[in-house]
C-alpha atoms as a PDB file:
ATOM      1  CA  GLN A   1     100.815  93.873  90.766  1.00  0.00           C
ATOM      2  CA  VAL A   2      98.894  96.794  92.192  1.00  0.00           C
ATOM      3  CA  HIS A   3      99.286 100.244  90.658  1.00  0.00           C
ATOM      4  CA  LEU A   4      97.769 103.503  91.820  1.00  0.00           C
ATOM      5  CA  VAL A   5      97.772 106.633  89.645  1.00  0.00           C
ATOM      6  CA  GLU A   6      96.617 109.938  91.070  1.00  0.00           C
ATOM      7  CA  SER A   7      95.523 112.946  89.045  1.00  0.00           C
ATOM      8  CA  GLY A   8      93.547 116.153  89.405  1.00  0.00           C
ATOM      9  CA  GLY A   9      95.840 118.343  91.453  1.00  0.00           C
ATOM     10  CA  GLY A  10      96.501 121.964  90.672  1.00  0.00           C
ATOM     11  CA  LEU A  11      96.671 125.548  91.886  1.00  0.00           C
ATOM     12  CA  VAL A  12      93.466 126.993  93.305  1.00  0.00           C
ATOM     13  CA  GLN A  13      92.440 129.905  95.463  1.00  0.00           C
ATOM     14  CA  PRO A  14      91.089 129.536  98.998  1.00  0.00           C
ATOM     15  CA  GLY A  15      87.440 128.506  98.983  1.00  0.00           C
ATOM     16  CA  GLU A  16      87.639 126.765  95.629  1.00  0.00           C
ATOM     17  CA  SER A  17      87.264 123.055  94.884  1.00  0.00           C
ATOM     18  CA  LEU A  18      89.216 120.242  93.268  1.00  0.00           C
ATOM     19  CA  ARG A  19      88.479 116.594  92.590  1.00  0.00           C
ATOM     20  CA  LEU A  20      91.345 114.147  92.781  1.00  0.00           C
ATOM     21  CA  SER A  21      91.217 110.754  91.099  1.00  0.00           C
ATOM     22  CA  CYS A  22      93.040 107.544  91.937  1.00  0.00           C
ATOM     23  CA  GLU A  23      92.950 104.973  89.145  1.00  0.00           C
ATOM     24  CA  VAL A  24      93.592 101.521  90.558  1.00  0.00           C
ATOM     25  CA  SER A  25      94.819  98.470  88.692  1.00  0.00           C
ATOM     26  CA  GLY A  26      95.753  95.018  89.913  1.00  0.00           C
ATOM     27  CA  LEU A  27      92.926  94.727  92.432  1.00  0.00           C
ATOM     28  CA  SER A  28      89.223  95.451  92.690  1.00  0.00           C
ATOM     29  CA  ILE A  29      88.284  98.437  94.787  1.00  0.00           C
ATOM     30  CA  SER A  30      84.996  96.678  95.483  1.00  0.00           C
ATOM     31  CA  TYR A  31      86.721  94.466  98.041  1.00  0.00           C
ATOM     32  CA  ASN A  32      89.617  96.589  99.249  1.00  0.00           C
ATOM     33  CA  THR A  33      90.125  99.681 101.369  1.00  0.00           C
ATOM     34  CA  ILE A  34      91.714 102.649  99.625  1.00  0.00           C
ATOM     35  CA  TRP A  35      93.205 105.548 101.545  1.00  0.00           C
ATOM     36  CA  TRP A  36      94.065 109.126 100.653  1.00  0.00           C
ATOM     37  CA  TYR A  37      97.073 110.647 102.387  1.00  0.00           C
ATOM     38  CA  ARG A  38      98.778 113.997 102.036  1.00  0.00           C
ATOM     39  CA  GLN A  39     102.218 115.351 102.764  1.00  0.00           C
ATOM     40  CA  ALA A  40     102.742 119.059 103.227  1.00  0.00           C
ATOM     41  CA  PRO A  41     106.227 120.564 102.749  1.00  0.00           C
ATOM     42  CA  GLY A  42     108.455 119.644 105.667  1.00  0.00           C
ATOM     43  CA  LYS A  43     105.797 117.509 107.341  1.00  0.00           C
ATOM     44  CA  HIS A  44     104.961 113.841 107.762  1.00  0.00           C
ATOM     45  CA  ARG A  45     102.574 112.044 105.448  1.00  0.00           C
ATOM     46  CA  ASP A  46      99.171 111.944 107.156  1.00  0.00           C
ATOM     47  CA  TRP A  47      95.980 110.161 106.281  1.00  0.00           C
ATOM     48  CA  VAL A  48      93.072 112.199 105.009  1.00  0.00           C
ATOM     49  CA  ALA A  49      90.252 109.814 104.145  1.00  0.00           C
ATOM     50  CA  LEU A  50      89.487 106.184 103.481  1.00  0.00           C
ATOM     51  CA  ILE A  51      86.781 104.162 101.825  1.00  0.00           C
ATOM     52  CA  MET A  52      86.053 100.550 102.681  1.00  0.00           C
ATOM     53  CA  THR A  53      83.743  97.885 101.362  1.00  0.00           C
ATOM     54  CA  ALA A  54      80.076  98.788 101.460  1.00  0.00           C
ATOM     55  CA  ASP A  55      81.178 102.421 100.934  1.00  0.00           C
ATOM     56  CA  VAL A  56      82.013 102.946 104.583  1.00  0.00           C
ATOM     57  CA  THR A  57      84.114 106.107 104.833  1.00  0.00           C
ATOM     58  CA  ASN A  58      86.136 107.941 107.436  1.00  0.00           C
ATOM     59  CA  TYR A  59      87.873 111.320 107.504  1.00  0.00           C
ATOM     60  CA  GLU A  60      90.584 113.114 109.366  1.00  0.00           C
ATOM     61  CA  ASP A  61      89.015 115.795 111.560  1.00  0.00           C
ATOM     62  CA  SER A  62      90.360 118.825 109.690  1.00  0.00           C
ATOM     63  CA  VAL A  63      88.683 117.785 106.414  1.00  0.00           C
ATOM     64  CA  LYS A  64      85.342 116.542 107.754  1.00  0.00           C
ATOM     65  CA  GLY A  65      82.499 118.389 106.072  1.00  0.00           C
ATOM     66  CA  ARG A  66      84.762 119.667 103.267  1.00  0.00           C
ATOM     67  CA  PHE A  67      86.189 116.529 101.637  1.00  0.00           C
ATOM     68  CA  THR A  68      84.244 113.568 100.298  1.00  0.00           C
ATOM     69  CA  ILE A  69      85.760 110.254  99.272  1.00  0.00           C
ATOM     70  CA  SER A  70      83.864 108.120  96.798  1.00  0.00           C
ATOM     71  CA  ARG A  71      84.451 105.414  94.249  1.00  0.00           C
ATOM     72  CA  ASP A  72      83.293 104.262  90.846  1.00  0.00           C
ATOM     73  CA  ILE A  73      83.415 100.480  90.733  1.00  0.00           C
ATOM     74  CA  THR A  74      82.982 100.421  86.953  1.00  0.00           C
ATOM     75  CA  LYS A  75      86.121 102.524  86.503  1.00  0.00           C
ATOM     76  CA  ASN A  76      87.981 101.014  89.479  1.00  0.00           C
ATOM     77  CA  THR A  77      88.695 104.577  90.540  1.00  0.00           C
ATOM     78  CA  VAL A  78      88.530 106.358  93.881  1.00  0.00           C
ATOM     79  CA  TYR A  79      87.872 110.083  94.094  1.00  0.00           C
ATOM     80  CA  LEU A  80      88.508 112.787  96.646  1.00  0.00           C
ATOM     81  CA  GLN A  81      86.219 115.781  96.238  1.00  0.00           C
ATOM     82  CA  MET A  82      87.752 118.699  98.076  1.00  0.00           C
ATOM     83  CA  ASN A  83      85.605 121.760  98.717  1.00  0.00           C
ATOM     84  CA  ASP A  84      86.282 125.015 100.531  1.00  0.00           C
ATOM     85  CA  LEU A  85      90.002 124.491 100.180  1.00  0.00           C
ATOM     86  CA  LYS A  86      92.307 126.275 102.606  1.00  0.00           C
ATOM     87  CA  PRO A  87      96.002 127.165 102.352  1.00  0.00           C
ATOM     88  CA  GLU A  88      96.732 124.490 104.946  1.00  0.00           C
ATOM     89  CA  ASP A  89      95.415 121.874 102.507  1.00  0.00           C
ATOM     90  CA  THR A  90      98.455 122.511 100.324  1.00  0.00           C
ATOM     91  CA  ALA A  91     100.265 119.190  99.973  1.00  0.00           C
ATOM     92  CA  VAL A  92     101.093 116.306  97.714  1.00  0.00           C
ATOM     93  CA  TYR A  93      98.135 113.934  97.838  1.00  0.00           C
ATOM     94  CA  TYR A  94      98.688 110.196  97.562  1.00  0.00           C
ATOM     95  CA  CYS A  95      96.388 107.234  97.353  1.00  0.00           C
ATOM     96  CA  ASN A  96      97.344 104.060  99.101  1.00  0.00           C
ATOM     97  CA  HIS A  97      96.520 100.411  99.401  1.00  0.00           C
ATOM     98  CA  GLN A  98      98.510  98.537 102.039  1.00  0.00           C
ATOM     99  CA  HIS A  99     102.167  98.943 100.979  1.00  0.00           C
ATOM    100  CA  THR A 100     101.448 100.419  97.551  1.00  0.00           C
ATOM    101  CA  TRP A 101     101.518 104.144  96.882  1.00  0.00           C
ATOM    102  CA  GLY A 102     100.853 106.248  93.843  1.00  0.00           C
ATOM    103  CA  GLN A 103     103.208 108.946  92.615  1.00  0.00           C
ATOM    104  CA  GLY A 104     101.131 111.707  94.163  1.00  0.00           C
ATOM    105  CA  THR A 105      99.418 114.808  92.814  1.00  0.00           C
ATOM    106  CA  LEU A 106     100.246 118.323  94.003  1.00  0.00           C
ATOM    107  CA  VAL A 107      97.562 120.594  95.390  1.00  0.00           C
ATOM    108  CA  ILE A 108      98.424 124.234  96.043  1.00  0.00           C
ATOM    109  CA  VAL A 109      95.912 126.527  97.681  1.00  0.00           C
ATOM    110  CA  SER A 110      97.018 130.147  97.470  1.00  0.00           C
ATOM    111  CA  LYS A 111      95.684 133.595  96.694  1.00  0.00           C
END
């Protein structure tokens, strides 16, 4: 059974950084695509970034150049480095593999 556990959220000011972690169990991230999504208050859950085999990555346009997805195979963990955070990045961030979701971690960007 696949489990995803996110961590690393918090309250930051605009322009600051956070690194989210997604600890994966039940499958190897070496051979599977992991996604990051986010859901802002009152909005749909939207994808943010993904990482595939061979470390191929892709990003939603609004985070390109600010967010970086990466993985540590030895820890079976996927990361989302978020720099230059903006108030509009405020959301619950989830990692995902196919039909499995984590519990989410809350990111608040506010002065």
